[in-house]
């Protein structure tokens, strides 16, 4: 059987993206051209690889089996081509990062603009989601997560602030109306906005002050899933409806503007900052190597 490597790559991207339109944007080709490539591959193999409906595209059982074996091979081909970058003065290519939404608000804004300016031939693609994923299976080069969610076979590099805090905030109008709590237990009488992990588990709120540890299960009129929906909780808190808990760096602009007032600040808990992680069992693509070197250099310069 003679296979066209381009058709194999098209199939892998379409399957990963879950559709021809998103894949076409990534590959800078037309959806119809990608559809023709997948159909050509299916004809060559004599088996359907993708189930197509008007709303979605998903791999068949045969397609899933092919993807499992195909992904590592395509990655090795990409790395082989990427090795040419070692002979360039400035690396080029695309860096794909899988990150939590919080990192797009509290980590990357201080890093990404400077990196893009330093490496004009590198394009960065950000995939923001909360669940821990196989970055290779999703076509990403690296990810950002916190230490407790890193697999042991990953190489981890500190990125962003090394100490972060969870903060609570509410509008002054809400606190004037309902009172300002001075102990975490009093939050049980307040309208607290809940967050939910992708697994379905609700957030607990942990506090510590002068050796006293308190954990509460907040109750309130609004529950949002971790990620971009947290901004809705922030806006609702600014509107004076209740109390929001989130990364301090995320809420700080609203504290500075006065839209939100810090609540129970002496009780806010600290935790270690995030890491850039990537597999240690493969060669590092040039765009990722440049990014790693950049964040390491930036950290040394800020010490």
C-alpha atoms as a PDB file:
ATOM      1  CA  UNK A   1       0.000   0.000   0.000  1.00  0.00           C
ATOM      2  CA  UNK A   2       1.336   3.446  -0.926  1.00  0.00           C
ATOM      3  CA  UNK A   3       0.388   6.167   1.557  1.00  0.00           C
ATOM      4  CA  UNK A   4       0.678   9.910   1.132  1.00  0.00           C
ATOM      5  CA  UNK A   5       2.257  11.317   4.292  1.00  0.00           C
ATOM      6  CA  UNK A   6       0.352  14.564   3.811  1.00  0.00           C
ATOM      7  CA  UNK A   7      -2.951  12.645   3.780  1.00  0.00           C
ATOM      8  CA  UNK A   8      -1.954  10.832   6.970  1.00  0.00           C
ATOM      9  CA  UNK A   9      -1.128  14.130   8.644  1.00  0.00           C
ATOM     10  CA  UNK A  10      -4.421  15.646   7.488  1.00  0.00           C
ATOM     11  CA  UNK A  11      -6.330  12.709   8.967  1.00  0.00           C
ATOM     12  CA  UNK A  12      -4.507  13.076  12.309  1.00  0.00           C
ATOM     13  CA  UNK A  13      -5.211  16.823  12.532  1.00  0.00           C
ATOM     14  CA  UNK A  14      -8.878  16.462  11.533  1.00  0.00           C
ATOM     15  CA  UNK A  15      -9.358  13.719  14.130  1.00  0.00           C
ATOM     16  CA  UNK A  16      -7.619  15.749  16.827  1.00  0.00           C
ATOM     17  CA  UNK A  17      -9.533  18.924  16.000  1.00  0.00           C
ATOM     18  CA  UNK A  18     -12.863  17.128  15.715  1.00  0.00           C
ATOM     19  CA  UNK A  19     -13.763  18.755  12.408  1.00  0.00           C
ATOM     20  CA  UNK A  20     -12.563  19.897   9.006  1.00  0.00           C
ATOM     21  CA  UNK A  21     -12.990  23.623   9.605  1.00  0.00           C
ATOM     22  CA  UNK A  22     -10.762  23.806  12.686  1.00  0.00           C
ATOM     23  CA  UNK A  23      -8.217  21.528  11.008  1.00  0.00           C
ATOM     24  CA  UNK A  24      -8.269  23.730   7.911  1.00  0.00           C
ATOM     25  CA  UNK A  25      -7.450  26.791  10.029  1.00  0.00           C
ATOM     26  CA  UNK A  26      -4.514  24.987  11.613  1.00  0.00           C
ATOM     27  CA  UNK A  27      -3.152  23.688   8.309  1.00  0.00           C
ATOM     28  CA  UNK A  28      -4.057  26.821   6.328  1.00  0.00           C
ATOM     29  CA  UNK A  29      -5.934  24.757   3.756  1.00  0.00           C
ATOM     30  CA  UNK A  30      -9.544  24.528   2.603  1.00  0.00           C
ATOM     31  CA  UNK A  31     -11.981  22.178   4.386  1.00  0.00           C
ATOM     32  CA  UNK A  32     -12.915  20.620   1.066  1.00  0.00           C
ATOM     33  CA  UNK A  33      -9.265  19.879   0.329  1.00  0.00           C
ATOM     34  CA  UNK A  34      -8.880  18.162   3.700  1.00  0.00           C
ATOM     35  CA  UNK A  35     -12.062  16.157   3.096  1.00  0.00           C
ATOM     36  CA  UNK A  36     -10.655  14.981  -0.228  1.00  0.00           C
ATOM     37  CA  UNK A  37      -7.388  13.963   1.466  1.00  0.00           C
ATOM     38  CA  UNK A  38      -9.184  11.874   4.120  1.00  0.00           C
ATOM     39  CA  UNK A  39     -11.429  10.280   1.492  1.00  0.00           C
ATOM     40  CA  UNK A  40      -8.356   9.440  -0.574  1.00  0.00           C
ATOM     41  CA  UNK A  41      -6.707   7.830   2.457  1.00  0.00           C
ATOM     42  CA  UNK A  42      -9.843   5.823   3.254  1.00  0.00           C
ATOM     43  CA  UNK A  43      -9.971   4.593  -0.340  1.00  0.00           C
ATOM     44  CA  UNK A  44      -6.341   3.519  -0.214  1.00  0.00           C
ATOM     45  CA  UNK A  45      -6.872   1.674   3.076  1.00  0.00           C
ATOM     46  CA  UNK A  46     -10.247   0.281   2.142  1.00  0.00           C
ATOM     47  CA  UNK A  47     -11.841   1.269   5.489  1.00  0.00           C
ATOM     48  CA  UNK A  48     -13.722   4.249   6.909  1.00  0.00           C
ATOM     49  CA  UNK A  49     -11.558   6.241   9.319  1.00  0.00           C
ATOM     50  CA  UNK A  50     -13.911   9.063  10.311  1.00  0.00           C
ATOM     51  CA  UNK A  51     -17.585   9.208  11.165  1.00  0.00           C
ATOM     52  CA  UNK A  52     -18.997  12.407   9.681  1.00  0.00           C
ATOM     53  CA  UNK A  53     -22.215  14.191  10.592  1.00  0.00           C
ATOM     54  CA  UNK A  54     -23.357  17.725   9.904  1.00  0.00           C
ATOM     55  CA  UNK A  55     -22.284  18.672  13.436  1.00  0.00           C
ATOM     56  CA  UNK A  56     -19.243  16.593  14.280  1.00  0.00           C
ATOM     57  CA  UNK A  57     -16.408  14.415  13.061  1.00  0.00           C
ATOM     58  CA  UNK A  58     -15.036  11.550  15.140  1.00  0.00           C
ATOM     59  CA  UNK A  59     -12.683   8.615  14.484  1.00  0.00           C
ATOM     60  CA  UNK A  60     -14.128   5.171  13.851  1.00  0.00           C
ATOM     61  CA  UNK A  61     -12.647   2.227  15.722  1.00  0.00           C
ATOM     62  CA  UNK A  62     -10.239   1.723  12.824  1.00  0.00           C
ATOM     63  CA  UNK A  63      -9.436   5.452  12.899  1.00  0.00           C
ATOM     64  CA  UNK A  64      -8.668   5.366  16.619  1.00  0.00           C
ATOM     65  CA  UNK A  65      -6.349   2.377  16.166  1.00  0.00           C
ATOM     66  CA  UNK A  66      -4.548   4.188  13.361  1.00  0.00           C
ATOM     67  CA  UNK A  67      -4.182   7.354  15.432  1.00  0.00           C
ATOM     68  CA  UNK A  68      -2.559   5.474  18.306  1.00  0.00           C
ATOM     69  CA  UNK A  69       0.188   4.194  16.022  1.00  0.00           C
ATOM     70  CA  UNK A  70       0.346   7.172  13.720  1.00  0.00           C
ATOM     71  CA  UNK A  71       0.803  10.008  16.245  1.00  0.00           C
ATOM     72  CA  UNK A  72       4.314   9.001  17.440  1.00  0.00           C
ATOM     73  CA  UNK A  73       5.492   8.477  13.846  1.00  0.00           C
ATOM     74  CA  UNK A  74       4.247  11.891  12.690  1.00  0.00           C
ATOM     75  CA  UNK A  75       5.850  13.513  15.722  1.00  0.00           C
ATOM     76  CA  UNK A  76       9.190  11.896  14.874  1.00  0.00           C
ATOM     77  CA  UNK A  77       8.925  13.171  11.291  1.00  0.00           C
ATOM     78  CA  UNK A  78       8.165  16.661  12.590  1.00  0.00           C
ATOM     79  CA  UNK A  79      11.145  16.482  14.940  1.00  0.00           C
ATOM     80  CA  UNK A  80      13.412  15.331  12.124  1.00  0.00           C
ATOM     81  CA  UNK A  81      12.385  18.326  10.032  1.00  0.00           C
ATOM     82  CA  UNK A  82      12.691  20.550  13.090  1.00  0.00           C
ATOM     83  CA  UNK A  83      16.333  19.521  13.528  1.00  0.00           C
ATOM     84  CA  UNK A  84      17.158  21.910  10.690  1.00  0.00           C
ATOM     85  CA  UNK A  85      16.311  24.690  13.135  1.00  0.00           C
ATOM     86  CA  UNK A  86      19.581  23.987  14.916  1.00  0.00           C
ATOM     87  CA  UNK A  87      21.378  25.508  11.934  1.00  0.00           C
ATOM     88  CA  UNK A  88      19.394  28.751  11.988  1.00  0.00           C
ATOM     89  CA  UNK A  89      20.330  31.884  13.896  1.00  0.00           C
ATOM     90  CA  UNK A  90      16.689  32.234  15.002  1.00  0.00           C
ATOM     91  CA  UNK A  91      14.441  29.174  15.506  1.00  0.00           C
ATOM     92  CA  UNK A  92      11.149  29.077  13.664  1.00  0.00           C
ATOM     93  CA  UNK A  93       7.972  27.010  13.792  1.00  0.00           C
ATOM     94  CA  UNK A  94       4.887  26.682  15.972  1.00  0.00           C
ATOM     95  CA  UNK A  95       4.835  26.183  19.730  1.00  0.00           C
ATOM     96  CA  UNK A  96       1.606  24.597  20.984  1.00  0.00           C
ATOM     97  CA  UNK A  97       0.869  24.878  24.709  1.00  0.00           C
ATOM     98  CA  UNK A  98      -1.968  23.288  26.692  1.00  0.00           C
ATOM     99  CA  UNK A  99      -2.681  25.460  29.734  1.00  0.00           C
ATOM    100  CA  UNK A 100      -5.391  26.091  32.337  1.00  0.00           C
ATOM    101  CA  UNK A 101      -7.422  29.252  31.822  1.00  0.00           C
ATOM    102  CA  UNK A 102      -5.902  30.709  35.004  1.00  0.00           C
ATOM    103  CA  UNK A 103      -2.470  30.624  33.337  1.00  0.00           C
ATOM    104  CA  UNK A 104      -3.771  32.821  30.518  1.00  0.00           C
ATOM    105  CA  UNK A 105      -4.654  35.404  33.169  1.00  0.00           C
ATOM    106  CA  UNK A 106      -1.916  35.073  35.803  1.00  0.00           C
ATOM    107  CA  UNK A 107       1.182  33.611  34.091  1.00  0.00           C
ATOM    108  CA  UNK A 108       1.420  34.089  30.330  1.00  0.00           C
ATOM    109  CA  UNK A 109       0.632  37.843  30.078  1.00  0.00           C
ATOM    110  CA  UNK A 110       3.977  38.641  31.738  1.00  0.00           C
ATOM    111  CA  UNK A 111       5.917  36.221  29.501  1.00  0.00           C
ATOM    112  CA  UNK A 112       4.338  35.761  26.094  1.00  0.00           C
ATOM    113  CA  UNK A 113       4.577  39.308  24.652  1.00  0.00           C
ATOM    114  CA  UNK A 114       8.318  39.463  25.380  1.00  0.00           C
ATOM    115  CA  UNK A 115       8.888  35.960  24.002  1.00  0.00           C
ATOM    116  CA  UNK A 116       7.054  36.736  20.740  1.00  0.00           C
ATOM    117  CA  UNK A 117       9.086  39.912  20.348  1.00  0.00           C
ATOM    118  CA  UNK A 118      12.343  38.024  20.927  1.00  0.00           C
ATOM    119  CA  UNK A 119      11.439  35.227  18.487  1.00  0.00           C
ATOM    120  CA  UNK A 120       9.486  36.733  15.565  1.00  0.00           C
ATOM    121  CA  UNK A 121       9.693  33.506  13.528  1.00  0.00           C
ATOM    122  CA  UNK A 122       7.891  31.438  16.190  1.00  0.00           C
ATOM    123  CA  UNK A 123       4.113  31.250  16.324  1.00  0.00           C
ATOM    124  CA  UNK A 124       2.421  30.260  19.583  1.00  0.00           C
ATOM    125  CA  UNK A 125      -0.865  28.376  19.760  1.00  0.00           C
ATOM    126  CA  UNK A 126      -2.602  28.222  23.149  1.00  0.00           C
ATOM    127  CA  UNK A 127      -5.155  25.529  24.036  1.00  0.00           C
ATOM    128  CA  UNK A 128      -6.845  26.496  27.311  1.00  0.00           C
ATOM    129  CA  UNK A 129      -8.618  23.772  29.295  1.00  0.00           C
ATOM    130  CA  UNK A 130      -8.754  22.676  32.902  1.00  0.00           C
ATOM    131  CA  UNK A 131      -8.515  18.883  32.696  1.00  0.00           C
ATOM    132  CA  UNK A 132      -5.127  17.176  32.706  1.00  0.00           C
ATOM    133  CA  UNK A 133      -4.522  15.810  29.215  1.00  0.00           C
ATOM    134  CA  UNK A 134      -1.983  13.816  27.252  1.00  0.00           C
ATOM    135  CA  UNK A 135      -0.258  16.752  25.595  1.00  0.00           C
ATOM    136  CA  UNK A 136       1.182  14.597  22.822  1.00  0.00           C
ATOM    137  CA  UNK A 137      -2.211  13.082  21.963  1.00  0.00           C
ATOM    138  CA  UNK A 138      -3.660  16.601  21.672  1.00  0.00           C
ATOM    139  CA  UNK A 139      -0.841  17.723  19.384  1.00  0.00           C
ATOM    140  CA  UNK A 140       0.723  20.069  21.943  1.00  0.00           C
ATOM    141  CA  UNK A 141       4.430  20.382  22.674  1.00  0.00           C
ATOM    142  CA  UNK A 142       4.110  21.232  26.353  1.00  0.00           C
ATOM    143  CA  UNK A 143       1.640  22.233  29.023  1.00  0.00           C
ATOM    144  CA  UNK A 144       1.344  24.296  32.175  1.00  0.00           C
ATOM    145  CA  UNK A 145      -0.030  22.706  35.338  1.00  0.00           C
ATOM    146  CA  UNK A 146       0.566  22.665  39.078  1.00  0.00           C
ATOM    147  CA  UNK A 147       2.883  20.199  40.784  1.00  0.00           C
ATOM    148  CA  UNK A 148       0.200  17.881  42.184  1.00  0.00           C
ATOM    149  CA  UNK A 149      -1.125  17.281  38.651  1.00  0.00           C
ATOM    150  CA  UNK A 150       2.160  16.439  36.919  1.00  0.00           C
ATOM    151  CA  UNK A 151       2.949  12.914  35.761  1.00  0.00           C
ATOM    152  CA  UNK A 152       6.221  11.490  37.051  1.00  0.00           C
ATOM    153  CA  UNK A 153       7.684  10.944  33.571  1.00  0.00           C
ATOM    154  CA  UNK A 154       7.448  14.644  32.713  1.00  0.00           C
ATOM    155  CA  UNK A 155      10.206  17.231  32.853  1.00  0.00           C
ATOM    156  CA  UNK A 156       8.971  20.253  34.817  1.00  0.00           C
ATOM    157  CA  UNK A 157      10.364  23.783  34.610  1.00  0.00           C
ATOM    158  CA  UNK A 158       9.136  26.547  36.976  1.00  0.00           C
ATOM    159  CA  UNK A 159       7.191  29.230  35.132  1.00  0.00           C
ATOM    160  CA  UNK A 160       5.532  32.354  36.465  1.00  0.00           C
ATOM    161  CA  UNK A 161       5.255  33.373  40.141  1.00  0.00           C
ATOM    162  CA  UNK A 162       6.588  30.740  42.526  1.00  0.00           C
ATOM    163  CA  UNK A 163       4.136  31.605  45.276  1.00  0.00           C
ATOM    164  CA  UNK A 164       0.476  32.347  44.586  1.00  0.00           C
ATOM    165  CA  UNK A 165      -2.551  32.916  46.812  1.00  0.00           C
ATOM    166  CA  UNK A 166      -6.262  32.284  46.628  1.00  0.00           C
ATOM    167  CA  UNK A 167      -8.128  35.482  47.376  1.00  0.00           C
ATOM    168  CA  UNK A 168     -11.701  36.402  48.241  1.00  0.00           C
ATOM    169  CA  UNK A 169     -13.417  39.519  47.013  1.00  0.00           C
ATOM    170  CA  UNK A 170     -16.813  41.194  47.104  1.00  0.00           C
ATOM    171  CA  UNK A 171     -18.269  44.521  46.074  1.00  0.00           C
ATOM    172  CA  UNK A 172     -18.416  47.219  48.747  1.00  0.00           C
ATOM    173  CA  UNK A 173     -22.196  47.412  48.229  1.00  0.00           C
ATOM    174  CA  UNK A 174     -22.568  43.719  49.066  1.00  0.00           C
ATOM    175  CA  UNK A 175     -20.467  44.030  52.233  1.00  0.00           C
ATOM    176  CA  UNK A 176     -22.410  47.119  53.316  1.00  0.00           C
ATOM    177  CA  UNK A 177     -25.632  45.156  52.906  1.00  0.00           C
ATOM    178  CA  UNK A 178     -24.589  41.775  54.352  1.00  0.00           C
ATOM    179  CA  UNK A 179     -21.677  42.646  56.613  1.00  0.00           C
ATOM    180  CA  UNK A 180     -17.959  41.845  56.336  1.00  0.00           C
ATOM    181  CA  UNK A 181     -16.954  38.417  57.711  1.00  0.00           C
ATOM    182  CA  UNK A 182     -13.969  38.329  60.057  1.00  0.00           C
ATOM    183  CA  UNK A 183     -13.766  34.520  60.337  1.00  0.00           C
ATOM    184  CA  UNK A 184     -14.153  31.900  57.568  1.00  0.00           C
ATOM    185  CA  UNK A 185     -16.993  30.183  59.417  1.00  0.00           C
ATOM    186  CA  UNK A 186     -19.112  33.292  58.872  1.00  0.00           C
ATOM    187  CA  UNK A 187     -19.000  32.670  55.114  1.00  0.00           C
ATOM    188  CA  UNK A 188     -21.671  30.016  55.626  1.00  0.00           C
ATOM    189  CA  UNK A 189     -24.125  32.881  56.119  1.00  0.00           C
ATOM    190  CA  UNK A 190     -23.035  34.591  52.904  1.00  0.00           C
ATOM    191  CA  UNK A 191     -23.721  34.202  49.187  1.00  0.00           C
ATOM    192  CA  UNK A 192     -20.535  32.485  47.986  1.00  0.00           C
ATOM    193  CA  UNK A 193     -19.957  31.577  44.359  1.00  0.00           C
ATOM    194  CA  UNK A 194     -18.944  27.956  43.895  1.00  0.00           C
ATOM    195  CA  UNK A 195     -16.507  26.536  41.369  1.00  0.00           C
ATOM    196  CA  UNK A 196     -16.681  23.074  39.877  1.00  0.00           C
ATOM    197  CA  UNK A 197     -13.801  20.993  38.500  1.00  0.00           C
ATOM    198  CA  UNK A 198     -14.285  19.285  35.107  1.00  0.00           C
ATOM    199  CA  UNK A 199     -14.657  16.028  37.080  1.00  0.00           C
ATOM    200  CA  UNK A 200     -17.785  17.460  38.700  1.00  0.00           C
ATOM    201  CA  UNK A 201     -16.246  17.964  42.142  1.00  0.00           C
ATOM    202  CA  UNK A 202     -17.030  21.286  43.809  1.00  0.00           C
ATOM    203  CA  UNK A 203     -14.238  23.486  45.165  1.00  0.00           C
ATOM    204  CA  UNK A 204     -13.582  23.599  48.879  1.00  0.00           C
ATOM    205  CA  UNK A 205     -12.318  26.859  50.387  1.00  0.00           C
ATOM    206  CA  UNK A 206      -9.298  26.471  52.672  1.00  0.00           C
ATOM    207  CA  UNK A 207      -8.055  29.080  55.121  1.00  0.00           C
ATOM    208  CA  UNK A 208      -5.186  29.417  57.577  1.00  0.00           C
ATOM    209  CA  UNK A 209      -4.285  32.049  60.143  1.00  0.00           C
ATOM    210  CA  UNK A 210      -2.154  31.915  63.296  1.00  0.00           C
ATOM    211  CA  UNK A 211      -2.005  28.134  63.186  1.00  0.00           C
ATOM    212  CA  UNK A 212      -5.767  27.694  62.728  1.00  0.00           C
ATOM    213  CA  UNK A 213      -6.873  25.753  59.637  1.00  0.00           C
ATOM    214  CA  UNK A 214     -10.438  26.024  58.363  1.00  0.00           C
ATOM    215  CA  UNK A 215     -12.101  24.349  55.383  1.00  0.00           C
ATOM    216  CA  UNK A 216     -15.624  25.234  54.322  1.00  0.00           C
ATOM    217  CA  UNK A 217     -17.985  24.073  51.593  1.00  0.00           C
ATOM    218  CA  UNK A 218     -19.341  27.374  50.256  1.00  0.00           C
ATOM    219  CA  UNK A 219     -23.014  27.825  49.424  1.00  0.00           C
ATOM    220  CA  UNK A 220     -24.529  30.382  47.129  1.00  0.00           C
ATOM    221  CA  UNK A 221     -26.669  31.255  44.131  1.00  0.00           C
ATOM    222  CA  UNK A 222     -24.061  30.676  41.412  1.00  0.00           C
ATOM    223  CA  UNK A 223     -21.889  27.699  40.443  1.00  0.00           C
ATOM    224  CA  UNK A 224     -19.460  27.869  37.506  1.00  0.00           C
ATOM    225  CA  UNK A 225     -17.041  25.380  36.022  1.00  0.00           C
ATOM    226  CA  UNK A 226     -13.351  26.097  36.487  1.00  0.00           C
ATOM    227  CA  UNK A 227     -11.952  28.026  33.551  1.00  0.00           C
ATOM    228  CA  UNK A 228     -13.273  30.893  31.500  1.00  0.00           C
ATOM    229  CA  UNK A 229     -16.661  30.758  33.263  1.00  0.00           C
ATOM    230  CA  UNK A 230     -14.935  32.026  36.414  1.00  0.00           C
ATOM    231  CA  UNK A 231     -14.972  35.476  34.843  1.00  0.00           C
ATOM    232  CA  UNK A 232     -18.766  35.370  35.071  1.00  0.00           C
ATOM    233  CA  UNK A 233     -18.436  34.804  38.830  1.00  0.00           C
ATOM    234  CA  UNK A 234     -16.101  37.816  39.022  1.00  0.00           C
ATOM    235  CA  UNK A 235     -18.564  40.025  37.116  1.00  0.00           C
ATOM    236  CA  UNK A 236     -21.427  38.835  39.314  1.00  0.00           C
ATOM    237  CA  UNK A 237     -19.424  39.652  42.443  1.00  0.00           C
ATOM    238  CA  UNK A 238     -18.659  43.122  41.061  1.00  0.00           C
ATOM    239  CA  UNK A 239     -22.407  43.557  40.562  1.00  0.00           C
ATOM    240  CA  UNK A 240     -22.850  43.124  44.317  1.00  0.00           C
ATOM    241  CA  UNK A 241     -24.442  39.667  44.437  1.00  0.00           C
ATOM    242  CA  UNK A 242     -21.911  37.720  46.492  1.00  0.00           C
ATOM    243  CA  UNK A 243     -18.324  36.688  47.278  1.00  0.00           C
ATOM    244  CA  UNK A 244     -15.921  35.201  44.752  1.00  0.00           C
ATOM    245  CA  UNK A 245     -12.753  33.171  45.478  1.00  0.00           C
ATOM    246  CA  UNK A 246     -10.043  33.039  42.839  1.00  0.00           C
ATOM    247  CA  UNK A 247      -6.344  33.535  42.193  1.00  0.00           C
ATOM    248  CA  UNK A 248      -5.153  36.769  43.794  1.00  0.00           C
ATOM    249  CA  UNK A 249      -3.407  37.784  40.560  1.00  0.00           C
ATOM    250  CA  UNK A 250      -6.711  37.355  38.693  1.00  0.00           C
ATOM    251  CA  UNK A 251      -8.622  39.526  41.149  1.00  0.00           C
ATOM    252  CA  UNK A 252      -5.895  42.116  41.818  1.00  0.00           C
ATOM    253  CA  UNK A 253      -6.919  44.546  39.017  1.00  0.00           C
ATOM    254  CA  UNK A 254     -10.407  44.676  40.535  1.00  0.00           C
ATOM    255  CA  UNK A 255      -8.968  45.295  44.003  1.00  0.00           C
ATOM    256  CA  UNK A 256      -6.848  48.128  42.600  1.00  0.00           C
ATOM    257  CA  UNK A 257      -9.806  49.691  40.776  1.00  0.00           C
ATOM    258  CA  UNK A 258     -12.056  49.367  43.816  1.00  0.00           C
ATOM    259  CA  UNK A 259     -14.609  47.231  41.990  1.00  0.00           C
ATOM    260  CA  UNK A 260     -13.938  44.513  44.576  1.00  0.00           C
ATOM    261  CA  UNK A 261     -12.861  44.683  48.215  1.00  0.00           C
ATOM    262  CA  UNK A 262     -10.546  41.995  49.683  1.00  0.00           C
ATOM    263  CA  UNK A 263     -12.357  39.715  52.128  1.00  0.00           C
ATOM    264  CA  UNK A 264     -10.620  37.778  54.941  1.00  0.00           C
ATOM    265  CA  UNK A 265      -7.172  38.656  53.556  1.00  0.00           C
ATOM    266  CA  UNK A 266      -5.258  37.491  56.689  1.00  0.00           C
ATOM    267  CA  UNK A 267      -6.718  34.024  56.072  1.00  0.00           C
ATOM    268  CA  UNK A 268      -5.736  33.668  52.407  1.00  0.00           C
ATOM    269  CA  UNK A 269      -3.698  30.510  51.744  1.00  0.00           C
ATOM    270  CA  UNK A 270      -0.550  30.315  49.655  1.00  0.00           C
ATOM    271  CA  UNK A 271       0.476  27.548  47.259  1.00  0.00           C
ATOM    272  CA  UNK A 272       3.422  26.863  44.980  1.00  0.00           C
ATOM    273  CA  UNK A 273       3.378  28.266  41.454  1.00  0.00           C
ATOM    274  CA  UNK A 274       2.914  26.388  38.170  1.00  0.00           C
ATOM    275  CA  UNK A 275       5.338  24.469  35.966  1.00  0.00           C
ATOM    276  CA  UNK A 276       5.886  24.137  32.265  1.00  0.00           C
ATOM    277  CA  UNK A 277       5.956  20.396  31.608  1.00  0.00           C
ATOM    278  CA  UNK A 278       6.895  18.267  28.620  1.00  0.00           C
ATOM    279  CA  UNK A 279       7.833  14.630  27.937  1.00  0.00           C
ATOM    280  CA  UNK A 280      11.399  13.671  28.674  1.00  0.00           C
ATOM    281  CA  UNK A 281      11.449  10.724  26.297  1.00  0.00           C
ATOM    282  CA  UNK A 282      11.703  12.691  23.051  1.00  0.00           C
ATOM    283  CA  UNK A 283      13.799  15.376  21.436  1.00  0.00           C
ATOM    284  CA  UNK A 284      12.691  18.895  22.273  1.00  0.00           C
ATOM    285  CA  UNK A 285      11.402  20.884  19.249  1.00  0.00           C
ATOM    286  CA  UNK A 286      13.297  24.104  18.588  1.00  0.00           C
ATOM    287  CA  UNK A 287      10.362  26.458  19.421  1.00  0.00           C
ATOM    288  CA  UNK A 288       9.870  24.709  22.766  1.00  0.00           C
ATOM    289  CA  UNK A 289      13.608  24.757  23.502  1.00  0.00           C
ATOM    290  CA  UNK A 290      13.644  28.503  22.808  1.00  0.00           C
ATOM    291  CA  UNK A 291      10.673  28.996  25.165  1.00  0.00           C
ATOM    292  CA  UNK A 292      12.302  26.939  27.927  1.00  0.00           C
ATOM    293  CA  UNK A 293      15.553  28.886  27.627  1.00  0.00           C
ATOM    294  CA  UNK A 294      13.602  32.146  27.594  1.00  0.00           C
ATOM    295  CA  UNK A 295      11.703  31.478  30.832  1.00  0.00           C
ATOM    296  CA  UNK A 296      14.861  30.198  32.549  1.00  0.00           C
ATOM    297  CA  UNK A 297      16.778  33.329  31.529  1.00  0.00           C
ATOM    298  CA  UNK A 298      13.887  35.574  32.568  1.00  0.00           C
ATOM    299  CA  UNK A 299      13.788  33.960  36.007  1.00  0.00           C
ATOM    300  CA  UNK A 300      17.535  34.490  36.522  1.00  0.00           C
ATOM    301  CA  UNK A 301      17.241  38.131  35.503  1.00  0.00           C
ATOM    302  CA  UNK A 302      14.396  38.811  37.937  1.00  0.00           C
ATOM    303  CA  UNK A 303      16.110  37.301  40.967  1.00  0.00           C
END
